[in-house]
Amino acid sequence: MEFLLGNPYSTPVGQCIERATDGSLQSEDWTLNMEICDIINETEDGPKDAIRAVKKRLNGNKNYREVMLTLTVLETCVKNCGYRFHALVTTRDFIDGILVKIISPKNNPPAIVQDKVLALVQAWADAFRSSPDLTGVVHVYEEMKRKGIEFPQSDLETLSPIHTPQRLQSAPEMDQQKYNAPVQPKPQPHPASAPPFSAPVTHTSPQMPNLPMSGPINPSPEQICKLRSELDIVRGNTKVMSEMLTEMVPGQEDPSDHELLQELNRTCRAMQQRIVELISRVSNEEVTEELLHVNDDLNNIFLRYERLISTQKYLLTLMLIFETQIKIYLNET
C-alpha cells in the first residue's frame, strides 16, 4: 500500500513534517510547526498526508530525538487543527498501532518518550470523551489502565487545553457540523457589530513568594499551588489572545480589538520572561513540565500574532501601491 501511495514526505505537508522532525534540529521549529497546521486546515488532502508522514517518522524509529520532535508536531496539530485531523489521530489504528507501539517493552524507549506518549493518550482521551466519533483513543486509554499501565500523574485541569481555532469553513469541514469541539467551546463568530472581546484576566506575571533572587528553586507545596494558580491566569490570557487571532480578518479588525490584541501581546511576552526564568531555576520536574507546556503555548501564540502583523503590513503596502497608481492614472488622464 505504501508503494501505491508514494513517499509520505513527497507531499507539501509531508515535506514540512520531515524538516520539522529532523533529528539534527537543536530545538522545535515553531514557525514550521504552525505552517504544518495551516496546510492541514486549508487543504483537502492535508490531514491524511500529515498522518502518513507522522506514521513514517514514528514507525520503528529508534532516533528518539526525531520521535520527540514528531510527538511535539502531532500535539501542536491536535491543538490547532479541526475535526478532519482529529478523526484520523483518535482512531484505534493510529493510537494503538502507531503511538502506543512506540513505548512497547521490546522497544525500550527512554522515560521521557514513554511519559510523552502516555500524557498525550491521557489528554486526548479526556478531551474527546464526549465526542462519539472520536472515542477510539478513549477505548485504548481505558484498556491500558485496566492492564495496569500507570499514566503520569497530572491534574488534567492544568494541561494545555486542546483548542480548535474557528476558521472559515471549507467544504470538508461543513460536512462535520455535528462535531463538538473538545475541552472548550469554539469561539463564536465576531461580527463588526458585536461587542469587543473581554479583557484578559490579569496582567501580572507568574511569581513565587519568598524565594531567593538567584539560584535553584525547590518549591514547597504551597508555592506550587500558588504558581499553578498563576499559570491558569497565563492560560486565560493566552486563550483570549488565541480566540482573537482566530476571529480577526486582516484589514477588517475592529480598532478596539486591535488595541486589546497589542496589549495582550505585550502582557504575554512579559509573562513569558518570568516563565523562562522559572524553567531554568525550578528543580521540581512536574512543575518544570507545566512551565514548558505553557511556554510552548505562548510561543505558538506569538508566531500567530507575528503572522497577522506581517499580513497587515503586506495589505497596507498593497493599498498604498494601489492608491499611488490611481493618483498617477488620474494625473495622466
C-alpha atoms as a PDB file:
ATOM      1  CA  MET A   1       0.000   0.000   0.000  1.00  0.00           C
ATOM      2  CA  GLU A   2       2.838   2.416   0.847  1.00  0.00           C
ATOM      3  CA  PHE A   3       4.289   1.796  -2.601  1.00  0.00           C
ATOM      4  CA  LEU A   4       0.983   2.656  -4.246  1.00  0.00           C
ATOM      5  CA  LEU A   5       0.560   5.847  -2.222  1.00  0.00           C
ATOM      6  CA  GLY A   6       4.115   7.046  -2.795  1.00  0.00           C
ATOM      7  CA  ASN A   7       6.617   8.631  -0.408  1.00  0.00           C
ATOM      8  CA  PRO A   8       4.774  10.305   2.522  1.00  0.00           C
ATOM      9  CA  TYR A   9       7.426  13.031   2.515  1.00  0.00           C
ATOM     10  CA  SER A  10       6.724  13.977  -1.114  1.00  0.00           C
ATOM     11  CA  THR A  11       3.555  15.959  -0.321  1.00  0.00           C
ATOM     12  CA  PRO A  12       3.726  19.627   0.756  1.00  0.00           C
ATOM     13  CA  VAL A  13       2.793  18.851   4.364  1.00  0.00           C
ATOM     14  CA  GLY A  14       4.973  15.733   4.337  1.00  0.00           C
ATOM     15  CA  GLN A  15       7.994  17.790   3.334  1.00  0.00           C
ATOM     16  CA  CYS A  16       7.325  20.217   6.184  1.00  0.00           C
ATOM     17  CA  ILE A  17       6.939  17.373   8.695  1.00  0.00           C
ATOM     18  CA  GLU A  18      10.167  15.777   7.513  1.00  0.00           C
ATOM     19  CA  ARG A  19      12.022  19.058   8.105  1.00  0.00           C
ATOM     20  CA  ALA A  20      10.265  19.817  11.416  1.00  0.00           C
ATOM     21  CA  THR A  21      11.198  16.402  12.835  1.00  0.00           C
ATOM     22  CA  ASP A  22      14.778  16.209  11.621  1.00  0.00           C
ATOM     23  CA  GLY A  23      16.930  14.924  14.440  1.00  0.00           C
ATOM     24  CA  SER A  24      19.640  17.485  13.683  1.00  0.00           C
ATOM     25  CA  LEU A  25      17.399  20.349  14.851  1.00  0.00           C
ATOM     26  CA  GLN A  26      18.601  21.934  18.070  1.00  0.00           C
ATOM     27  CA  SER A  27      15.048  22.855  19.117  1.00  0.00           C
ATOM     28  CA  GLU A  28      11.491  22.835  17.817  1.00  0.00           C
ATOM     29  CA  ASP A  29      10.851  24.898  14.701  1.00  0.00           C
ATOM     30  CA  TRP A  30       7.602  26.563  15.754  1.00  0.00           C
ATOM     31  CA  THR A  31       7.220  28.527  12.537  1.00  0.00           C
ATOM     32  CA  LEU A  32       7.343  25.276  10.593  1.00  0.00           C
ATOM     33  CA  ASN A  33       5.019  23.554  13.067  1.00  0.00           C
ATOM     34  CA  MET A  34       2.398  26.247  12.558  1.00  0.00           C
ATOM     35  CA  GLU A  35       2.835  26.063   8.779  1.00  0.00           C
ATOM     36  CA  ILE A  36       2.032  22.352   9.045  1.00  0.00           C
ATOM     37  CA  CYS A  37      -1.177  23.211  10.903  1.00  0.00           C
ATOM     38  CA  ASP A  38      -2.128  25.707   8.190  1.00  0.00           C
ATOM     39  CA  ILE A  39      -1.650  23.156   5.408  1.00  0.00           C
ATOM     40  CA  ILE A  40      -3.738  20.607   7.313  1.00  0.00           C
ATOM     41  CA  ASN A  41      -6.534  23.112   7.842  1.00  0.00           C
ATOM     42  CA  GLU A  42      -6.514  24.703   4.407  1.00  0.00           C
ATOM     43  CA  THR A  43      -6.060  21.774   2.005  1.00  0.00           C
ATOM     44  CA  GLU A  44      -8.279  18.792   1.332  1.00  0.00           C
ATOM     45  CA  ASP A  45      -5.510  16.194   1.496  1.00  0.00           C
ATOM     46  CA  GLY A  46      -3.611  17.892   4.316  1.00  0.00           C
ATOM     47  CA  PRO A  47      -4.913  15.754   7.217  1.00  0.00           C
ATOM     48  CA  LYS A  48      -4.334  12.349   5.635  1.00  0.00           C
ATOM     49  CA  ASP A  49      -0.990  13.389   4.121  1.00  0.00           C
ATOM     50  CA  ALA A  50       0.147  14.662   7.523  1.00  0.00           C
ATOM     51  CA  ILE A  51      -0.851  11.438   9.260  1.00  0.00           C
ATOM     52  CA  ARG A  52       1.049   9.382   6.671  1.00  0.00           C
ATOM     53  CA  ALA A  53       4.190  11.438   7.249  1.00  0.00           C
ATOM     54  CA  VAL A  54       3.831  11.222  11.034  1.00  0.00           C
ATOM     55  CA  LYS A  55       3.365   7.462  10.836  1.00  0.00           C
ATOM     56  CA  LYS A  56       6.502   7.105   8.734  1.00  0.00           C
ATOM     57  CA  ARG A  57       8.543   9.140  11.195  1.00  0.00           C
ATOM     58  CA  LEU A  58       7.282   7.241  14.246  1.00  0.00           C
ATOM     59  CA  ASN A  59       7.042   3.685  12.965  1.00  0.00           C
ATOM     60  CA  GLY A  60      10.089   1.740  14.124  1.00  0.00           C
ATOM     61  CA  ASN A  61      12.208   4.872  14.571  1.00  0.00           C
ATOM     62  CA  LYS A  62      14.987   4.403  17.131  1.00  0.00           C
ATOM     63  CA  ASN A  63      16.123   8.002  16.847  1.00  0.00           C
ATOM     64  CA  TYR A  64      14.217   9.254  19.861  1.00  0.00           C
ATOM     65  CA  ARG A  65      15.157  12.862  19.198  1.00  0.00           C
ATOM     66  CA  GLU A  66      13.149  12.597  15.974  1.00  0.00           C
ATOM     67  CA  VAL A  67      10.373  10.777  17.808  1.00  0.00           C
ATOM     68  CA  MET A  68      10.074  13.558  20.409  1.00  0.00           C
ATOM     69  CA  LEU A  69      10.023  16.251  17.724  1.00  0.00           C
ATOM     70  CA  THR A  70       7.315  14.302  15.886  1.00  0.00           C
ATOM     71  CA  LEU A  71       5.228  13.977  19.040  1.00  0.00           C
ATOM     72  CA  THR A  72       5.512  17.739  19.528  1.00  0.00           C
ATOM     73  CA  VAL A  73       4.350  18.333  15.944  1.00  0.00           C
ATOM     74  CA  LEU A  74       1.481  15.909  16.495  1.00  0.00           C
ATOM     75  CA  GLU A  75       0.445  17.592  19.741  1.00  0.00           C
ATOM     76  CA  THR A  76       0.590  21.025  18.102  1.00  0.00           C
ATOM     77  CA  CYS A  77      -1.575  19.863  15.209  1.00  0.00           C
ATOM     78  CA  VAL A  78      -4.193  18.355  17.517  1.00  0.00           C
ATOM     79  CA  LYS A  79      -4.384  21.670  19.376  1.00  0.00           C
ATOM     80  CA  ASN A  80      -4.638  23.797  16.245  1.00  0.00           C
ATOM     81  CA  CYS A  81      -6.465  21.669  13.681  1.00  0.00           C
ATOM     82  CA  GLY A  82     -10.066  20.556  13.314  1.00  0.00           C
ATOM     83  CA  TYR A  83     -12.285  17.533  13.007  1.00  0.00           C
ATOM     84  CA  ARG A  84     -10.745  16.077   9.851  1.00  0.00           C
ATOM     85  CA  PHE A  85      -7.375  15.739  11.573  1.00  0.00           C
ATOM     86  CA  HIS A  86      -8.828  14.676  14.928  1.00  0.00           C
ATOM     87  CA  ALA A  87     -10.808  11.908  13.220  1.00  0.00           C
ATOM     88  CA  LEU A  88      -7.552  10.371  11.944  1.00  0.00           C
ATOM     89  CA  VAL A  89      -5.488  10.850  15.100  1.00  0.00           C
ATOM     90  CA  THR A  90      -8.020   9.376  17.541  1.00  0.00           C
ATOM     91  CA  THR A  91      -8.579   6.060  15.735  1.00  0.00           C
ATOM     92  CA  ARG A  92      -7.577   2.828  17.420  1.00  0.00           C
ATOM     93  CA  ASP A  93      -5.418   2.082  14.393  1.00  0.00           C
ATOM     94  CA  PHE A  94      -3.281   5.169  14.994  1.00  0.00           C
ATOM     95  CA  ILE A  95      -3.294   5.282  18.799  1.00  0.00           C
ATOM     96  CA  ASP A  96      -2.722   1.573  19.415  1.00  0.00           C
ATOM     97  CA  GLY A  97      -0.932   0.655  16.197  1.00  0.00           C
ATOM     98  CA  ILE A  98       1.460   3.616  15.991  1.00  0.00           C
ATOM     99  CA  LEU A  99       1.568   5.709  19.156  1.00  0.00           C
ATOM    100  CA  VAL A 100       1.384   3.070  21.887  1.00  0.00           C
ATOM    101  CA  LYS A 101       3.643   0.787  19.855  1.00  0.00           C
ATOM    102  CA  ILE A 102       6.475   3.287  20.395  1.00  0.00           C
ATOM    103  CA  ILE A 103       6.546   2.508  24.116  1.00  0.00           C
ATOM    104  CA  SER A 104       6.201  -1.273  23.916  1.00  0.00           C
ATOM    105  CA  PRO A 105       8.713  -3.087  26.179  1.00  0.00           C
ATOM    106  CA  LYS A 106      10.630  -4.529  23.226  1.00  0.00           C
ATOM    107  CA  ASN A 107      11.426  -1.022  22.009  1.00  0.00           C
ATOM    108  CA  ASN A 108      12.619   0.057  25.467  1.00  0.00           C
ATOM    109  CA  PRO A 109      12.251   3.809  24.832  1.00  0.00           C
ATOM    110  CA  PRO A 110      13.667   6.478  27.166  1.00  0.00           C
ATOM    111  CA  ALA A 111      11.434   7.520  30.061  1.00  0.00           C
ATOM    112  CA  ILE A 112      10.832  10.945  28.521  1.00  0.00           C
ATOM    113  CA  VAL A 113       9.365   9.355  25.369  1.00  0.00           C
ATOM    114  CA  GLN A 114       7.211   6.990  27.372  1.00  0.00           C
ATOM    115  CA  ASP A 115       5.879   9.812  29.546  1.00  0.00           C
ATOM    116  CA  LYS A 116       5.146  11.962  26.493  1.00  0.00           C
ATOM    117  CA  VAL A 117       3.169   9.231  24.728  1.00  0.00           C
ATOM    118  CA  LEU A 118       1.187   8.358  27.851  1.00  0.00           C
ATOM    119  CA  ALA A 119       0.474  12.020  28.550  1.00  0.00           C
ATOM    120  CA  LEU A 120      -0.856  12.535  25.005  1.00  0.00           C
ATOM    121  CA  VAL A 121      -3.078   9.462  25.159  1.00  0.00           C
ATOM    122  CA  GLN A 122      -4.422  10.523  28.546  1.00  0.00           C
ATOM    123  CA  ALA A 123      -5.048  14.147  27.486  1.00  0.00           C
ATOM    124  CA  TRP A 124      -6.764  13.174  24.227  1.00  0.00           C
ATOM    125  CA  ALA A 125      -8.910  10.538  25.916  1.00  0.00           C
ATOM    126  CA  ASP A 126     -10.148  13.162  28.347  1.00  0.00           C
ATOM    127  CA  ALA A 127     -10.627  15.808  25.644  1.00  0.00           C
ATOM    128  CA  PHE A 128     -12.518  13.665  23.138  1.00  0.00           C
ATOM    129  CA  ARG A 129     -14.529  11.568  25.578  1.00  0.00           C
ATOM    130  CA  SER A 130     -17.722  13.478  24.802  1.00  0.00           C
ATOM    131  CA  SER A 131     -17.325  13.236  21.002  1.00  0.00           C
ATOM    132  CA  PRO A 132     -18.879   9.905  19.867  1.00  0.00           C
ATOM    133  CA  ASP A 133     -16.928   9.815  16.595  1.00  0.00           C
ATOM    134  CA  LEU A 134     -13.558  10.293  18.293  1.00  0.00           C
ATOM    135  CA  THR A 135     -13.582   7.779  21.133  1.00  0.00           C
ATOM    136  CA  GLY A 136     -11.053   5.319  19.703  1.00  0.00           C
ATOM    137  CA  VAL A 137      -8.399   6.908  21.894  1.00  0.00           C
ATOM    138  CA  VAL A 138     -10.729   6.652  24.898  1.00  0.00           C
ATOM    139  CA  HIS A 139     -11.112   2.883  24.446  1.00  0.00           C
ATOM    140  CA  VAL A 140      -7.352   2.394  24.116  1.00  0.00           C
ATOM    141  CA  TYR A 141      -6.716   4.547  27.197  1.00  0.00           C
ATOM    142  CA  GLU A 142      -9.209   2.596  29.304  1.00  0.00           C
ATOM    143  CA  GLU A 143      -7.775  -0.738  28.137  1.00  0.00           C
ATOM    144  CA  MET A 144      -4.281   0.397  29.077  1.00  0.00           C
ATOM    145  CA  LYS A 145      -5.480   1.399  32.540  1.00  0.00           C
ATOM    146  CA  ARG A 146      -7.150  -1.982  33.005  1.00  0.00           C
ATOM    147  CA  LYS A 147      -3.846  -3.628  32.125  1.00  0.00           C
ATOM    148  CA  GLY A 148      -2.237  -1.730  34.977  1.00  0.00           C
ATOM    149  CA  ILE A 149      -0.271   0.773  32.930  1.00  0.00           C
ATOM    150  CA  GLU A 150       0.497   3.796  35.078  1.00  0.00           C
ATOM    151  CA  PHE A 151       0.000   7.170  33.456  1.00  0.00           C
ATOM    152  CA  PRO A 152       1.962  10.257  34.529  1.00  0.00           C
ATOM    153  CA  GLN A 153       0.283  11.911  37.474  1.00  0.00           C
ATOM    154  CA  SER A 154      -1.102  15.193  36.282  1.00  0.00           C
ATOM    155  CA  ASP A 155      -4.036  17.379  37.006  1.00  0.00           C
ATOM    156  CA  LEU A 156      -5.912  17.411  33.712  1.00  0.00           C
ATOM    157  CA  GLU A 157      -7.160  20.882  34.541  1.00  0.00           C
ATOM    158  CA  THR A 158      -3.597  22.178  34.312  1.00  0.00           C
ATOM    159  CA  LEU A 159      -2.822  20.554  30.983  1.00  0.00           C
ATOM    160  CA  SER A 160      -2.561  22.820  27.961  1.00  0.00           C
ATOM    161  CA  PRO A 161      -6.070  22.860  26.502  1.00  0.00           C
ATOM    162  CA  ILE A 162      -6.824  21.303  23.166  1.00  0.00           C
ATOM    163  CA  HIS A 163      -8.165  24.274  21.270  1.00  0.00           C
ATOM    164  CA  THR A 164      -9.557  24.119  17.763  1.00  0.00           C
ATOM    165  CA  PRO A 165      -9.396  27.540  16.132  1.00  0.00           C
ATOM    166  CA  GLN A 166     -12.550  28.697  14.363  1.00  0.00           C
ATOM    167  CA  ARG A 167     -11.673  29.107  10.712  1.00  0.00           C
ATOM    168  CA  LEU A 168     -13.683  29.862   7.630  1.00  0.00           C
ATOM    169  CA  GLN A 169     -15.388  26.570   6.849  1.00  0.00           C
ATOM    170  CA  SER A 170     -14.204  24.661   3.833  1.00  0.00           C
ATOM    171  CA  ALA A 171     -16.377  22.091   2.129  1.00  0.00           C
ATOM    172  CA  PRO A 172     -14.928  19.077   4.010  1.00  0.00           C
ATOM    173  CA  GLU A 173     -15.430  20.846   7.347  1.00  0.00           C
ATOM    174  CA  MET A 174     -19.045  21.737   6.569  1.00  0.00           C
ATOM    175  CA  ASP A 175     -19.855  18.036   6.419  1.00  0.00           C
ATOM    176  CA  GLN A 176     -18.984  17.779  10.103  1.00  0.00           C
ATOM    177  CA  GLN A 177     -21.427  20.311  11.605  1.00  0.00           C
ATOM    178  CA  LYS A 178     -22.353  17.761  14.258  1.00  0.00           C
ATOM    179  CA  TYR A 179     -18.782  17.659  15.631  1.00  0.00           C
ATOM    180  CA  ASN A 180     -18.439  19.031  19.143  1.00  0.00           C
ATOM    181  CA  ALA A 181     -15.139  20.786  19.787  1.00  0.00           C
ATOM    182  CA  PRO A 182     -13.281  19.177  22.726  1.00  0.00           C
ATOM    183  CA  VAL A 183     -12.442  20.681  26.102  1.00  0.00           C
ATOM    184  CA  GLN A 184     -13.724  24.167  25.428  1.00  0.00           C
ATOM    185  CA  PRO A 185     -16.325  25.586  23.032  1.00  0.00           C
ATOM    186  CA  LYS A 186     -15.202  27.155  19.817  1.00  0.00           C
ATOM    187  CA  PRO A 187     -15.295  30.939  19.942  1.00  0.00           C
ATOM    188  CA  GLN A 188     -18.382  32.388  18.298  1.00  0.00           C
ATOM    189  CA  PRO A 189     -18.067  34.465  15.117  1.00  0.00           C
ATOM    190  CA  HIS A 190     -17.189  38.066  15.848  1.00  0.00           C
ATOM    191  CA  PRO A 191     -19.176  40.388  13.520  1.00  0.00           C
ATOM    192  CA  ALA A 192     -18.316  44.067  13.417  1.00  0.00           C
ATOM    193  CA  SER A 193     -21.419  44.961  15.413  1.00  0.00           C
ATOM    194  CA  ALA A 194     -20.643  42.556  18.245  1.00  0.00           C
ATOM    195  CA  PRO A 195     -19.080  43.830  21.495  1.00  0.00           C
ATOM    196  CA  PRO A 196     -15.282  43.594  21.695  1.00  0.00           C
ATOM    197  CA  PHE A 197     -13.522  40.631  23.261  1.00  0.00           C
ATOM    198  CA  SER A 198     -13.368  40.620  27.023  1.00  0.00           C
ATOM    199  CA  ALA A 199     -10.155  41.894  28.532  1.00  0.00           C
ATOM    200  CA  PRO A 200      -7.501  39.435  29.726  1.00  0.00           C
ATOM    201  CA  VAL A 201      -7.838  38.061  33.224  1.00  0.00           C
ATOM    202  CA  THR A 202      -4.886  39.930  34.645  1.00  0.00           C
ATOM    203  CA  HIS A 203      -1.581  41.472  33.684  1.00  0.00           C
ATOM    204  CA  THR A 204       0.657  40.026  36.353  1.00  0.00           C
ATOM    205  CA  SER A 205       3.488  37.637  35.562  1.00  0.00           C
ATOM    206  CA  PRO A 206       3.828  34.308  37.397  1.00  0.00           C
ATOM    207  CA  GLN A 207       5.582  34.777  40.701  1.00  0.00           C
ATOM    208  CA  MET A 208       6.665  32.516  43.538  1.00  0.00           C
ATOM    209  CA  PRO A 209       6.601  34.042  47.024  1.00  0.00           C
ATOM    210  CA  ASN A 210       9.508  34.226  49.440  1.00  0.00           C
ATOM    211  CA  LEU A 211      12.115  32.896  47.025  1.00  0.00           C
ATOM    212  CA  PRO A 212      15.768  33.878  46.659  1.00  0.00           C
ATOM    213  CA  MET A 213      16.589  36.185  43.752  1.00  0.00           C
ATOM    214  CA  SER A 214      19.055  33.680  42.302  1.00  0.00           C
ATOM    215  CA  GLY A 215      19.988  30.012  42.497  1.00  0.00           C
ATOM    216  CA  PRO A 216      17.848  26.860  42.157  1.00  0.00           C
ATOM    217  CA  ILE A 217      14.281  26.783  43.466  1.00  0.00           C
ATOM    218  CA  ASN A 218      12.857  23.784  45.307  1.00  0.00           C
ATOM    219  CA  PRO A 219       9.245  24.978  45.753  1.00  0.00           C
ATOM    220  CA  SER A 220       7.083  23.987  48.683  1.00  0.00           C
ATOM    221  CA  PRO A 221       3.576  22.537  48.107  1.00  0.00           C
ATOM    222  CA  GLU A 222       2.079  25.933  48.929  1.00  0.00           C
ATOM    223  CA  GLN A 223       4.330  27.658  46.407  1.00  0.00           C
ATOM    224  CA  ILE A 224       3.472  25.068  43.759  1.00  0.00           C
ATOM    225  CA  CYS A 225      -0.215  25.633  44.383  1.00  0.00           C
ATOM    226  CA  LYS A 226       0.226  29.395  44.018  1.00  0.00           C
ATOM    227  CA  LEU A 227       2.289  29.016  40.858  1.00  0.00           C
ATOM    228  CA  ARG A 228      -0.297  26.721  39.264  1.00  0.00           C
ATOM    229  CA  SER A 229      -2.979  29.250  40.064  1.00  0.00           C
ATOM    230  CA  GLU A 230      -0.970  31.957  38.342  1.00  0.00           C
ATOM    231  CA  LEU A 231      -0.238  29.700  35.372  1.00  0.00           C
ATOM    232  CA  ASP A 232      -4.021  29.436  34.963  1.00  0.00           C
ATOM    233  CA  ILE A 233      -4.018  33.226  34.627  1.00  0.00           C
ATOM    234  CA  VAL A 234      -1.386  32.956  31.878  1.00  0.00           C
ATOM    235  CA  ARG A 235      -3.530  30.349  30.123  1.00  0.00           C
ATOM    236  CA  GLY A 236      -6.515  32.673  30.409  1.00  0.00           C
ATOM    237  CA  ASN A 237      -4.625  35.460  28.651  1.00  0.00           C
ATOM    238  CA  THR A 238      -3.346  33.006  26.037  1.00  0.00           C
ATOM    239  CA  LYS A 239      -6.865  31.728  25.403  1.00  0.00           C
ATOM    240  CA  VAL A 240      -8.267  35.222  24.844  1.00  0.00           C
ATOM    241  CA  MET A 241      -5.393  36.057  22.501  1.00  0.00           C
ATOM    242  CA  SER A 242      -5.901  32.801  20.595  1.00  0.00           C
ATOM    243  CA  GLU A 243      -9.608  33.476  20.135  1.00  0.00           C
ATOM    244  CA  MET A 244      -8.920  36.993  18.876  1.00  0.00           C
ATOM    245  CA  LEU A 245      -6.292  35.798  16.407  1.00  0.00           C
ATOM    246  CA  THR A 246      -8.710  33.151  15.156  1.00  0.00           C
ATOM    247  CA  GLU A 247     -11.565  35.571  14.548  1.00  0.00           C
ATOM    248  CA  MET A 248      -9.654  38.575  13.194  1.00  0.00           C
ATOM    249  CA  VAL A 249      -9.598  39.120   9.430  1.00  0.00           C
ATOM    250  CA  PRO A 250      -6.538  41.163   8.381  1.00  0.00           C
ATOM    251  CA  GLY A 251      -7.643  44.585   7.213  1.00  0.00           C
ATOM    252  CA  GLN A 252     -11.064  44.299   8.839  1.00  0.00           C
ATOM    253  CA  GLU A 253     -10.129  44.476  12.521  1.00  0.00           C
ATOM    254  CA  ASP A 254     -12.157  46.484  14.985  1.00  0.00           C
ATOM    255  CA  PRO A 255      -9.807  49.218  16.337  1.00  0.00           C
ATOM    256  CA  SER A 256     -10.626  48.369  19.951  1.00  0.00           C
ATOM    257  CA  ASP A 257      -9.915  44.676  19.325  1.00  0.00           C
ATOM    258  CA  HIS A 258      -6.629  45.520  17.632  1.00  0.00           C
ATOM    259  CA  GLU A 259      -5.593  47.658  20.602  1.00  0.00           C
ATOM    260  CA  LEU A 260      -6.514  44.876  23.040  1.00  0.00           C
ATOM    261  CA  LEU A 261      -4.573  42.342  20.980  1.00  0.00           C
ATOM    262  CA  GLN A 262      -1.464  44.524  21.127  1.00  0.00           C
ATOM    263  CA  GLU A 263      -1.882  44.847  24.890  1.00  0.00           C
ATOM    264  CA  LEU A 264      -2.284  41.091  25.221  1.00  0.00           C
ATOM    265  CA  ASN A 265       0.867  40.523  23.187  1.00  0.00           C
ATOM    266  CA  ARG A 266       2.870  42.821  25.486  1.00  0.00           C
ATOM    267  CA  THR A 267       1.373  41.200  28.574  1.00  0.00           C
ATOM    268  CA  CYS A 268       2.024  37.624  27.428  1.00  0.00           C
ATOM    269  CA  ARG A 269       5.614  38.443  26.467  1.00  0.00           C
ATOM    270  CA  ALA A 270       6.237  39.873  29.926  1.00  0.00           C
ATOM    271  CA  MET A 271       4.726  36.713  31.415  1.00  0.00           C
ATOM    272  CA  GLN A 272       6.971  34.538  29.257  1.00  0.00           C
ATOM    273  CA  GLN A 273      10.111  36.238  30.535  1.00  0.00           C
ATOM    274  CA  ARG A 274       9.241  35.160  34.071  1.00  0.00           C
ATOM    275  CA  ILE A 275       8.254  31.658  32.942  1.00  0.00           C
ATOM    276  CA  VAL A 276      11.582  31.167  31.128  1.00  0.00           C
ATOM    277  CA  GLU A 277      13.404  32.298  34.273  1.00  0.00           C
ATOM    278  CA  LEU A 278      11.460  29.830  36.395  1.00  0.00           C
ATOM    279  CA  ILE A 279      12.113  26.976  33.930  1.00  0.00           C
ATOM    280  CA  SER A 280      15.848  27.435  34.394  1.00  0.00           C
ATOM    281  CA  ARG A 281      15.620  27.590  38.198  1.00  0.00           C
ATOM    282  CA  VAL A 282      12.819  25.291  39.411  1.00  0.00           C
ATOM    283  CA  SER A 283      14.100  21.865  40.422  1.00  0.00           C
ATOM    284  CA  ASN A 284      10.665  20.195  40.573  1.00  0.00           C
ATOM    285  CA  GLU A 285      10.220  18.031  37.450  1.00  0.00           C
ATOM    286  CA  GLU A 286       6.408  18.221  37.345  1.00  0.00           C
ATOM    287  CA  VAL A 287       6.391  21.999  37.751  1.00  0.00           C
ATOM    288  CA  THR A 288       9.066  22.365  35.077  1.00  0.00           C
ATOM    289  CA  GLU A 289       6.977  20.290  32.673  1.00  0.00           C
ATOM    290  CA  GLU A 290       3.950  22.519  33.277  1.00  0.00           C
ATOM    291  CA  LEU A 291       6.068  25.623  32.720  1.00  0.00           C
ATOM    292  CA  LEU A 292       7.380  24.149  29.468  1.00  0.00           C
ATOM    293  CA  HIS A 293       3.829  23.427  28.266  1.00  0.00           C
ATOM    294  CA  VAL A 294       2.742  26.998  28.958  1.00  0.00           C
ATOM    295  CA  ASN A 295       5.891  28.356  27.306  1.00  0.00           C
ATOM    296  CA  ASP A 296       5.176  26.252  24.197  1.00  0.00           C
ATOM    297  CA  ASP A 297       1.637  27.641  24.039  1.00  0.00           C
ATOM    298  CA  LEU A 298       2.975  31.189  24.331  1.00  0.00           C
ATOM    299  CA  ASN A 299       5.482  30.608  21.518  1.00  0.00           C
ATOM    300  CA  ASN A 300       2.624  29.247  19.424  1.00  0.00           C
ATOM    301  CA  ILE A 301       0.531  32.359  20.056  1.00  0.00           C
ATOM    302  CA  PHE A 302       3.408  34.757  19.344  1.00  0.00           C
ATOM    303  CA  LEU A 303       4.003  33.114  15.961  1.00  0.00           C
ATOM    304  CA  ARG A 304       0.347  33.531  15.042  1.00  0.00           C
ATOM    305  CA  TYR A 305       0.459  37.160  16.171  1.00  0.00           C
ATOM    306  CA  GLU A 306       3.574  37.926  14.107  1.00  0.00           C
ATOM    307  CA  ARG A 307       1.972  36.339  11.057  1.00  0.00           C
ATOM    308  CA  LEU A 308      -1.110  38.518  11.497  1.00  0.00           C
ATOM    309  CA  ILE A 309       1.035  41.651  11.793  1.00  0.00           C
ATOM    310  CA  SER A 310       3.029  40.651   8.686  1.00  0.00           C
ATOM    311  CA  THR A 311      -0.191  40.168   6.741  1.00  0.00           C
ATOM    312  CA  GLN A 312      -1.476  43.549   7.916  1.00  0.00           C
ATOM    313  CA  LYS A 313       1.739  45.237   6.743  1.00  0.00           C
ATOM    314  CA  TYR A 314       1.542  43.459   3.400  1.00  0.00           C
ATOM    315  CA  LEU A 315      -2.066  44.565   2.855  1.00  0.00           C
ATOM    316  CA  LEU A 316      -1.184  48.120   3.839  1.00  0.00           C
ATOM    317  CA  THR A 317       1.671  48.135   1.328  1.00  0.00           C
ATOM    318  CA  LEU A 318      -0.628  46.864  -1.411  1.00  0.00           C
ATOM    319  CA  MET A 319      -3.166  49.542  -0.545  1.00  0.00           C
ATOM    320  CA  LEU A 320      -0.541  52.299  -0.740  1.00  0.00           C
ATOM    321  CA  ILE A 321       0.695  50.990  -4.093  1.00  0.00           C
ATOM    322  CA  PHE A 322      -2.876  50.870  -5.380  1.00  0.00           C
ATOM    323  CA  GLU A 323      -3.582  54.428  -4.213  1.00  0.00           C
ATOM    324  CA  THR A 324      -0.371  55.656  -5.840  1.00  0.00           C
ATOM    325  CA  GLN A 325      -1.291  54.003  -9.139  1.00  0.00           C
ATOM    326  CA  ILE A 326      -4.753  55.555  -9.009  1.00  0.00           C
ATOM    327  CA  LYS A 327      -3.255  59.018  -8.447  1.00  0.00           C
ATOM    328  CA  ILE A 328      -0.822  58.526 -11.340  1.00  0.00           C
ATOM    329  CA  TYR A 329      -3.656  57.365 -13.581  1.00  0.00           C
ATOM    330  CA  LEU A 330      -5.829  60.342 -12.652  1.00  0.00           C
ATOM    331  CA  ASN A 331      -2.984  62.790 -13.261  1.00  0.00           C
ATOM    332  CA  GLU A 332      -2.275  61.251 -16.667  1.00  0.00           C
ATOM    333  CA  THR A 333      -5.917  61.490 -17.703  1.00  0.00           C
END
